[in-house]
Amino acid sequence: MLQSKPAPCSKATEESNPVTQKLITNTESDLQLSYAKQRRTKSSVLLHKEMDSRSKKTVRGYLYRVNEATAVLYARHVLALLLAEWPDDVAISEEMLDLSGPAHMTYILDMLLQLEEKQLCEKILLKVLRGCSGTMLAKMALTACQFMEEPGMAVQVRESK
């Protein structure tokens, strides 16, 4: 068996026929749409599977709960779109959105950040943070800091023997 050793080379050989076409043709937005479609399809398949396993009587109650949950998701999505397109010249206030306080807005933002796509979330955050008052922003920041605290992770100090 012949063994060959590579010869040292000071310069790489250029390709004689360079590739001019793009190897990855999908854009980021195409991928996001594809992921969203896959999630909806999987959700639909799971719903049909669940409904097939139930009797006719229980299906009606189950469908009611599914419709209610779907309505809540659509309402959250509408709220996200409204906040993302909020006019720059209109301040965001607790009274306008009928919130119980500034912290309530932080809870809403947290919920939307878990629900919506990254680009929409960034747009929502920019609109809300630029559109709220200084006092509202300070209270929202405090609530956001409290979100970052993890329960059960408190430091324990013990005296050694």
N, C-alpha and C. Protein backbone atom coordinates (compact mmCIF):
# COMPACT_ATOMS: atom_id res chain seq x y z
N MET A 1 0.84 -1.17 0.00
CA MET A 1 0.00 0.00 0.00
C MET A 1 0.89 1.24 0.00
N LEU A 2 0.64 2.12 -0.94
CA LEU A 2 1.43 3.34 -1.03
C LEU A 2 0.83 4.41 -0.14
N GLN A 3 1.68 5.04 0.56
CA GLN A 3 1.23 6.16 1.38
C GLN A 3 1.86 7.42 0.83
N SER A 4 1.03 8.40 0.62
CA SER A 4 1.57 9.65 0.10
C SER A 4 1.40 10.74 1.12
N LYS A 5 2.34 11.62 1.13
CA LYS A 5 2.27 12.75 2.04
C LYS A 5 1.96 13.99 1.22
N PRO A 6 1.13 14.86 1.75
CA PRO A 6 0.82 16.08 1.01
C PRO A 6 2.06 16.96 0.91
N ALA A 7 2.21 17.55 -0.25
CA ALA A 7 3.34 18.44 -0.46
C ALA A 7 3.01 19.82 0.09
N PRO A 8 3.98 20.49 0.69
CA PRO A 8 3.71 21.84 1.21
C PRO A 8 3.35 22.78 0.06
N CYS A 9 2.42 23.67 0.36
CA CYS A 9 1.92 24.59 -0.67
C CYS A 9 1.85 25.98 -0.07
N SER A 10 2.35 26.97 -0.78
CA SER A 10 2.34 28.33 -0.24
C SER A 10 1.10 29.11 -0.66
N LYS A 11 0.42 28.65 -1.71
CA LYS A 11 -0.76 29.36 -2.19
C LYS A 11 -1.81 28.35 -2.66
N ALA A 12 -3.06 28.59 -2.30
CA ALA A 12 -4.14 27.71 -2.72
C ALA A 12 -4.41 27.89 -4.21
N THR A 13 -4.83 26.82 -4.85
CA THR A 13 -5.16 26.88 -6.28
C THR A 13 -6.56 27.44 -6.44
N GLU A 14 -6.70 28.42 -7.31
CA GLU A 14 -8.01 29.03 -7.54
C GLU A 14 -8.91 28.08 -8.29
N GLU A 15 -10.21 28.20 -8.01
CA GLU A 15 -11.20 27.40 -8.71
C GLU A 15 -11.26 27.85 -10.16
N SER A 16 -11.32 26.89 -11.07
CA SER A 16 -11.39 27.25 -12.48
C SER A 16 -12.82 27.57 -12.91
N ASN A 17 -13.79 27.04 -12.18
CA ASN A 17 -15.19 27.24 -12.54
C ASN A 17 -15.95 27.69 -11.28
N PRO A 18 -15.88 28.97 -10.93
CA PRO A 18 -16.52 29.40 -9.67
C PRO A 18 -18.05 29.25 -9.72
N VAL A 19 -18.62 28.93 -8.58
CA VAL A 19 -20.07 28.76 -8.46
C VAL A 19 -20.70 30.15 -8.36
N THR A 20 -21.62 30.43 -9.27
CA THR A 20 -22.26 31.75 -9.28
C THR A 20 -23.65 31.74 -8.67
N GLN A 21 -24.24 30.56 -8.50
CA GLN A 21 -25.58 30.52 -7.93
C GLN A 21 -25.52 30.49 -6.41
N LYS A 22 -26.58 31.00 -5.78
CA LYS A 22 -26.65 30.98 -4.32
C LYS A 22 -26.92 29.56 -3.86
N LEU A 23 -26.19 29.12 -2.86
CA LEU A 23 -26.40 27.77 -2.34
C LEU A 23 -27.62 27.71 -1.43
N ILE A 24 -27.86 28.77 -0.68
CA ILE A 24 -29.03 28.83 0.20
C ILE A 24 -29.97 29.87 -0.39
N THR A 25 -31.09 29.38 -0.92
CA THR A 25 -32.01 30.28 -1.63
C THR A 25 -33.13 30.81 -0.75
N ASN A 26 -33.35 30.21 0.41
CA ASN A 26 -34.44 30.66 1.28
C ASN A 26 -34.01 31.88 2.09
N THR A 27 -34.91 32.84 2.19
CA THR A 27 -34.65 34.01 3.03
C THR A 27 -35.12 33.72 4.44
N GLU A 28 -34.72 34.58 5.36
CA GLU A 28 -35.13 34.42 6.76
C GLU A 28 -36.65 34.48 6.90
N SER A 29 -37.30 35.38 6.17
CA SER A 29 -38.76 35.49 6.26
C SER A 29 -39.44 34.25 5.70
N ASP A 30 -38.88 33.66 4.63
CA ASP A 30 -39.43 32.41 4.10
C ASP A 30 -39.36 31.30 5.15
N LEU A 31 -38.22 31.24 5.84
CA LEU A 31 -38.06 30.22 6.88
C LEU A 31 -39.04 30.44 8.02
N GLN A 32 -39.23 31.69 8.44
CA GLN A 32 -40.17 31.99 9.52
C GLN A 32 -41.59 31.58 9.14
N LEU A 33 -41.99 31.88 7.89
CA LEU A 33 -43.32 31.48 7.42
C LEU A 33 -43.45 29.96 7.39
N SER A 34 -42.40 29.29 6.97
CA SER A 34 -42.41 27.83 6.92
C SER A 34 -42.55 27.24 8.32
N TYR A 35 -41.82 27.80 9.29
CA TYR A 35 -41.91 27.32 10.67
C TYR A 35 -43.31 27.54 11.23
N ALA A 36 -43.88 28.70 10.95
CA ALA A 36 -45.23 29.00 11.44
C ALA A 36 -46.24 28.03 10.83
N LYS A 37 -46.09 27.72 9.55
CA LYS A 37 -47.01 26.79 8.89
C LYS A 37 -46.86 25.39 9.49
N GLN A 38 -45.63 24.98 9.77
CA GLN A 38 -45.39 23.67 10.38
C GLN A 38 -46.05 23.58 11.75
N ARG A 39 -45.94 24.66 12.54
CA ARG A 39 -46.57 24.66 13.87
C ARG A 39 -48.08 24.55 13.76
N ARG A 40 -48.68 25.31 12.81
CA ARG A 40 -50.13 25.24 12.63
C ARG A 40 -50.58 23.86 12.18
N THR A 41 -49.83 23.26 11.27
CA THR A 41 -50.17 21.93 10.77
C THR A 41 -50.09 20.91 11.89
N LYS A 42 -49.04 20.98 12.68
CA LYS A 42 -48.89 20.04 13.80
C LYS A 42 -50.02 20.22 14.80
N SER A 43 -50.37 21.47 15.07
CA SER A 43 -51.47 21.76 15.99
C SER A 43 -52.78 21.20 15.47
N SER A 44 -53.02 21.35 14.18
CA SER A 44 -54.24 20.85 13.56
C SER A 44 -54.31 19.33 13.64
N VAL A 45 -53.20 18.67 13.36
CA VAL A 45 -53.15 17.20 13.42
C VAL A 45 -53.44 16.73 14.84
N LEU A 46 -52.84 17.38 15.83
CA LEU A 46 -53.07 17.00 17.23
C LEU A 46 -54.53 17.21 17.63
N LEU A 47 -55.14 18.30 17.15
CA LEU A 47 -56.54 18.58 17.46
C LEU A 47 -57.44 17.50 16.86
N HIS A 48 -57.21 17.14 15.60
CA HIS A 48 -58.01 16.09 14.96
C HIS A 48 -57.84 14.75 15.68
N LYS A 49 -56.63 14.44 16.07
CA LYS A 49 -56.35 13.20 16.79
C LYS A 49 -57.12 13.16 18.11
N GLU A 50 -57.09 14.28 18.83
CA GLU A 50 -57.79 14.38 20.11
C GLU A 50 -59.29 14.25 19.93
N MET A 51 -59.84 14.89 18.90
CA MET A 51 -61.28 14.84 18.67
C MET A 51 -61.73 13.45 18.23
N ASP A 52 -60.91 12.74 17.48
CA ASP A 52 -61.26 11.39 17.04
C ASP A 52 -61.32 10.42 18.22
N SER A 53 -60.57 10.71 19.27
CA SER A 53 -60.53 9.80 20.42
C SER A 53 -61.67 10.05 21.41
N ARG A 54 -62.47 11.08 21.20
CA ARG A 54 -63.54 11.42 22.14
C ARG A 54 -64.90 11.06 21.57
N SER A 55 -65.87 10.92 22.47
CA SER A 55 -67.24 10.65 22.03
C SER A 55 -67.88 11.93 21.52
N LYS A 56 -69.02 11.81 20.84
CA LYS A 56 -69.71 12.98 20.25
C LYS A 56 -70.10 14.00 21.32
N LYS A 57 -70.52 13.52 22.50
CA LYS A 57 -70.97 14.42 23.56
C LYS A 57 -69.84 15.30 24.07
N THR A 58 -68.72 14.69 24.31
CA THR A 58 -67.61 15.45 24.88
C THR A 58 -66.92 16.33 23.84
N VAL A 59 -67.11 15.99 22.56
CA VAL A 59 -66.49 16.79 21.50
C VAL A 59 -67.03 18.22 21.50
N ARG A 60 -68.34 18.37 21.74
CA ARG A 60 -68.94 19.71 21.73
C ARG A 60 -68.30 20.60 22.79
N GLY A 61 -68.17 20.11 24.01
CA GLY A 61 -67.54 20.88 25.08
C GLY A 61 -66.07 21.15 24.78
N TYR A 62 -65.43 20.15 24.23
CA TYR A 62 -64.02 20.30 23.88
C TYR A 62 -63.85 21.35 22.79
N LEU A 63 -64.72 21.32 21.78
CA LEU A 63 -64.66 22.32 20.71
C LEU A 63 -64.91 23.72 21.23
N TYR A 64 -65.81 23.84 22.20
CA TYR A 64 -66.08 25.15 22.80
C TYR A 64 -64.80 25.70 23.44
N ARG A 65 -64.10 24.85 24.19
CA ARG A 65 -62.86 25.29 24.84
C ARG A 65 -61.77 25.62 23.82
N VAL A 66 -61.69 24.83 22.75
CA VAL A 66 -60.71 25.09 21.70
C VAL A 66 -61.01 26.41 21.01
N ASN A 67 -62.30 26.66 20.72
CA ASN A 67 -62.69 27.92 20.08
C ASN A 67 -62.39 29.11 20.98
N GLU A 68 -62.64 28.94 22.27
CA GLU A 68 -62.36 30.01 23.23
C GLU A 68 -60.85 30.31 23.28
N ALA A 69 -60.05 29.26 23.32
CA ALA A 69 -58.60 29.43 23.34
C ALA A 69 -58.10 30.08 22.05
N THR A 70 -58.69 29.68 20.93
CA THR A 70 -58.31 30.28 19.64
C THR A 70 -58.66 31.76 19.61
N ALA A 71 -59.83 32.11 20.15
CA ALA A 71 -60.24 33.52 20.20
C ALA A 71 -59.27 34.34 21.05
N VAL A 72 -58.82 33.78 22.16
CA VAL A 72 -57.86 34.47 23.03
C VAL A 72 -56.54 34.68 22.29
N LEU A 73 -56.08 33.65 21.56
CA LEU A 73 -54.84 33.79 20.80
C LEU A 73 -54.95 34.86 19.72
N TYR A 74 -56.09 34.88 19.03
CA TYR A 74 -56.30 35.91 18.01
C TYR A 74 -56.35 37.30 18.64
N ALA A 75 -56.99 37.42 19.79
CA ALA A 75 -57.06 38.72 20.47
C ALA A 75 -55.65 39.18 20.87
N ARG A 76 -54.84 38.26 21.34
CA ARG A 76 -53.46 38.61 21.71
C ARG A 76 -52.66 39.04 20.48
N HIS A 77 -52.89 38.35 19.37
CA HIS A 77 -52.19 38.70 18.14
C HIS A 77 -52.62 40.08 17.65
N VAL A 78 -53.91 40.38 17.75
CA VAL A 78 -54.41 41.70 17.35
C VAL A 78 -53.78 42.78 18.23
N LEU A 79 -53.72 42.53 19.54
CA LEU A 79 -53.09 43.49 20.45
C LEU A 79 -51.62 43.71 20.06
N ALA A 80 -50.93 42.64 19.73
CA ALA A 80 -49.53 42.76 19.32
C ALA A 80 -49.40 43.63 18.07
N LEU A 81 -50.26 43.41 17.10
CA LEU A 81 -50.20 44.20 15.87
C LEU A 81 -50.54 45.66 16.12
N LEU A 82 -51.52 45.90 17.00
CA LEU A 82 -51.88 47.28 17.33
C LEU A 82 -50.72 48.01 18.02
N LEU A 83 -50.08 47.34 18.96
CA LEU A 83 -48.94 47.96 19.65
C LEU A 83 -47.77 48.18 18.70
N ALA A 84 -47.57 47.25 17.77
CA ALA A 84 -46.46 47.39 16.81
C ALA A 84 -46.68 48.57 15.86
N GLU A 85 -47.93 48.88 15.56
CA GLU A 85 -48.25 49.97 14.63
C GLU A 85 -48.73 51.23 15.35
N TRP A 86 -48.49 51.31 16.65
CA TRP A 86 -48.95 52.44 17.45
C TRP A 86 -48.37 53.74 16.89
N PRO A 87 -49.19 54.79 16.75
CA PRO A 87 -48.68 56.06 16.21
C PRO A 87 -47.63 56.68 17.14
N ASP A 88 -46.59 57.23 16.56
CA ASP A 88 -45.50 57.81 17.34
C ASP A 88 -45.94 59.04 18.13
N ASP A 89 -46.92 59.76 17.63
CA ASP A 89 -47.34 61.01 18.29
C ASP A 89 -48.38 60.79 19.39
N VAL A 90 -48.79 59.54 19.63
CA VAL A 90 -49.78 59.25 20.67
C VAL A 90 -49.08 58.49 21.81
N ALA A 91 -49.12 59.08 23.00
CA ALA A 91 -48.48 58.45 24.16
C ALA A 91 -49.27 57.22 24.60
N ILE A 92 -48.55 56.22 25.08
CA ILE A 92 -49.19 55.02 25.61
C ILE A 92 -49.37 55.23 27.10
N SER A 93 -50.61 55.12 27.56
CA SER A 93 -50.88 55.33 28.99
C SER A 93 -51.71 54.17 29.53
N GLU A 94 -51.67 54.03 30.86
CA GLU A 94 -52.44 52.99 31.52
C GLU A 94 -53.93 53.19 31.29
N GLU A 95 -54.36 54.45 31.33
CA GLU A 95 -55.78 54.75 31.17
C GLU A 95 -56.26 54.40 29.77
N MET A 96 -55.45 54.70 28.78
CA MET A 96 -55.85 54.45 27.39
C MET A 96 -56.06 52.96 27.12
N LEU A 97 -55.21 52.13 27.73
CA LEU A 97 -55.30 50.69 27.52
C LEU A 97 -56.10 49.99 28.62
N ASP A 98 -56.64 50.78 29.56
CA ASP A 98 -57.43 50.25 30.67
C ASP A 98 -56.64 49.21 31.48
N LEU A 99 -55.40 49.57 31.81
CA LEU A 99 -54.54 48.69 32.59
C LEU A 99 -54.73 48.95 34.07
N SER A 100 -54.44 47.95 34.88
CA SER A 100 -54.56 48.11 36.33
C SER A 100 -53.38 48.89 36.90
N GLY A 101 -52.32 49.05 36.12
CA GLY A 101 -51.13 49.79 36.55
C GLY A 101 -50.02 49.59 35.55
N PRO A 102 -48.91 50.29 35.73
CA PRO A 102 -47.79 50.16 34.79
C PRO A 102 -47.23 48.74 34.73
N ALA A 103 -47.26 48.04 35.86
CA ALA A 103 -46.74 46.67 35.88
C ALA A 103 -47.54 45.77 34.94
N HIS A 104 -48.82 46.07 34.79
CA HIS A 104 -49.68 45.28 33.92
C HIS A 104 -49.14 45.27 32.49
N MET A 105 -48.60 46.40 32.05
CA MET A 105 -48.03 46.48 30.70
C MET A 105 -46.84 45.54 30.56
N THR A 106 -46.05 45.40 31.62
CA THR A 106 -44.91 44.50 31.60
C THR A 106 -45.37 43.05 31.44
N TYR A 107 -46.45 42.69 32.13
CA TYR A 107 -47.00 41.34 32.00
C TYR A 107 -47.49 41.10 30.58
N ILE A 108 -48.13 42.10 29.99
CA ILE A 108 -48.62 41.98 28.60
C ILE A 108 -47.44 41.80 27.65
N LEU A 109 -46.40 42.62 27.82
CA LEU A 109 -45.22 42.50 26.96
C LEU A 109 -44.57 41.12 27.11
N ASP A 110 -44.47 40.63 28.33
CA ASP A 110 -43.89 39.31 28.56
C ASP A 110 -44.68 38.24 27.82
N MET A 111 -46.00 38.32 27.90
CA MET A 111 -46.87 37.36 27.22
C MET A 111 -46.67 37.44 25.70
N LEU A 112 -46.63 38.65 25.16
CA LEU A 112 -46.48 38.83 23.71
C LEU A 112 -45.11 38.37 23.22
N LEU A 113 -44.08 38.56 24.04
CA LEU A 113 -42.73 38.14 23.65
C LEU A 113 -42.64 36.62 23.53
N GLN A 114 -43.46 35.91 24.29
CA GLN A 114 -43.47 34.46 24.20
C GLN A 114 -44.32 33.96 23.04
N LEU A 115 -45.24 34.81 22.57
CA LEU A 115 -46.21 34.40 21.56
C LEU A 115 -45.82 34.77 20.14
N GLU A 116 -45.23 35.94 19.96
CA GLU A 116 -45.01 36.49 18.62
C GLU A 116 -43.59 36.22 18.11
N GLU A 117 -43.41 36.47 16.82
CA GLU A 117 -42.10 36.31 16.17
C GLU A 117 -41.15 37.42 16.63
N LYS A 118 -39.86 37.16 16.50
CA LYS A 118 -38.83 38.06 17.03
C LYS A 118 -38.92 39.48 16.45
N GLN A 119 -39.09 39.60 15.13
CA GLN A 119 -39.12 40.93 14.51
C GLN A 119 -40.30 41.76 15.01
N LEU A 120 -41.46 41.13 15.14
CA LEU A 120 -42.63 41.84 15.64
C LEU A 120 -42.43 42.24 17.10
N CYS A 121 -41.82 41.36 17.88
CA CYS A 121 -41.55 41.67 19.29
C CYS A 121 -40.64 42.88 19.43
N GLU A 122 -39.61 42.95 18.60
CA GLU A 122 -38.70 44.10 18.66
C GLU A 122 -39.43 45.39 18.32
N LYS A 123 -40.31 45.32 17.35
CA LYS A 123 -41.08 46.50 16.95
C LYS A 123 -42.03 46.94 18.08
N ILE A 124 -42.68 45.97 18.72
CA ILE A 124 -43.58 46.25 19.83
C ILE A 124 -42.81 46.92 20.97
N LEU A 125 -41.67 46.33 21.34
CA LEU A 125 -40.88 46.88 22.44
C LEU A 125 -40.45 48.32 22.15
N LEU A 126 -39.99 48.58 20.94
CA LEU A 126 -39.58 49.94 20.59
C LEU A 126 -40.74 50.92 20.72
N LYS A 127 -41.90 50.55 20.19
CA LYS A 127 -43.07 51.44 20.24
C LYS A 127 -43.50 51.70 21.68
N VAL A 128 -43.58 50.64 22.47
CA VAL A 128 -44.06 50.78 23.85
C VAL A 128 -43.06 51.56 24.69
N LEU A 129 -41.78 51.21 24.60
CA LEU A 129 -40.79 51.88 25.44
C LEU A 129 -40.61 53.35 25.07
N ARG A 130 -40.75 53.66 23.79
CA ARG A 130 -40.65 55.07 23.37
C ARG A 130 -41.94 55.84 23.64
N GLY A 131 -43.06 55.14 23.72
CA GLY A 131 -44.34 55.81 23.82
C GLY A 131 -44.89 55.99 25.22
N CYS A 132 -44.25 55.39 26.22
CA CYS A 132 -44.80 55.52 27.58
C CYS A 132 -44.06 56.62 28.36
N SER A 133 -44.69 57.07 29.42
CA SER A 133 -44.12 58.16 30.23
C SER A 133 -42.95 57.64 31.06
N GLY A 134 -42.18 58.57 31.61
CA GLY A 134 -41.02 58.21 32.43
C GLY A 134 -41.39 57.43 33.67
N THR A 135 -42.47 57.83 34.34
CA THR A 135 -42.88 57.11 35.56
C THR A 135 -43.39 55.71 35.22
N MET A 136 -44.12 55.61 34.12
CA MET A 136 -44.61 54.30 33.70
C MET A 136 -43.43 53.41 33.32
N LEU A 137 -42.44 53.97 32.64
CA LEU A 137 -41.26 53.23 32.23
C LEU A 137 -40.47 52.73 33.45
N ALA A 138 -40.35 53.57 34.47
CA ALA A 138 -39.62 53.18 35.69
C ALA A 138 -40.30 52.01 36.38
N LYS A 139 -41.63 52.06 36.48
CA LYS A 139 -42.37 50.96 37.13
C LYS A 139 -42.32 49.69 36.29
N MET A 140 -42.34 49.85 34.97
CA MET A 140 -42.22 48.68 34.09
C MET A 140 -40.84 48.04 34.23
N ALA A 141 -39.80 48.87 34.35
CA ALA A 141 -38.44 48.36 34.51
C ALA A 141 -38.30 47.59 35.82
N LEU A 142 -38.90 48.11 36.88
CA LEU A 142 -38.86 47.42 38.17
C LEU A 142 -39.54 46.06 38.07
N THR A 143 -40.69 46.01 37.44
CA THR A 143 -41.41 44.74 37.28
C THR A 143 -40.60 43.78 36.42
N ALA A 144 -39.97 44.28 35.37
CA ALA A 144 -39.14 43.43 34.50
C ALA A 144 -37.96 42.85 35.29
N CYS A 145 -37.38 43.64 36.18
CA CYS A 145 -36.29 43.15 37.03
C CYS A 145 -36.78 42.04 37.95
N GLN A 146 -37.99 42.18 38.45
CA GLN A 146 -38.56 41.15 39.32
C GLN A 146 -38.80 39.86 38.54
N PHE A 147 -39.10 39.97 37.23
CA PHE A 147 -39.26 38.78 36.40
C PHE A 147 -37.96 37.99 36.33
N MET A 148 -36.84 38.71 36.38
CA MET A 148 -35.54 38.05 36.21
C MET A 148 -35.11 37.29 37.46
N GLU A 149 -35.71 37.59 38.59
CA GLU A 149 -35.37 36.86 39.81
C GLU A 149 -35.93 35.46 39.71
N GLU A 150 -35.11 34.48 40.07
CA GLU A 150 -35.57 33.10 40.03
C GLU A 150 -35.87 32.64 41.45
N PRO A 151 -37.10 32.22 41.70
CA PRO A 151 -37.44 31.75 43.05
C PRO A 151 -36.66 30.48 43.39
N GLY A 152 -36.30 30.35 44.64
CA GLY A 152 -35.59 29.16 45.08
C GLY A 152 -34.09 29.20 44.82
N MET A 153 -33.60 30.31 44.32
CA MET A 153 -32.18 30.41 44.02
C MET A 153 -31.48 31.37 44.98
N ALA A 154 -32.08 31.62 46.11
CA ALA A 154 -31.52 32.56 47.08
C ALA A 154 -30.20 32.01 47.63
N VAL A 155 -29.28 32.90 47.89
CA VAL A 155 -27.98 32.51 48.43
C VAL A 155 -28.15 32.19 49.91
N GLN A 156 -27.58 31.06 50.32
CA GLN A 156 -27.64 30.68 51.72
C GLN A 156 -26.24 30.83 52.32
N VAL A 157 -26.18 31.47 53.48
CA VAL A 157 -24.92 31.64 54.17
C VAL A 157 -24.99 30.81 55.44
N ARG A 158 -23.99 29.93 55.61
CA ARG A 158 -23.96 29.08 56.80
C ARG A 158 -22.61 29.25 57.50
N GLU A 159 -22.68 29.19 58.80
CA GLU A 159 -21.44 29.27 59.57
C GLU A 159 -20.86 27.87 59.68
N SER A 160 -19.58 27.74 59.36
CA SER A 160 -18.95 26.43 59.45
C SER A 160 -18.56 26.15 60.89
N LYS A 161 -18.45 24.88 61.22
CA LYS A 161 -18.10 24.48 62.59
C LYS A 161 -16.62 24.48 62.81
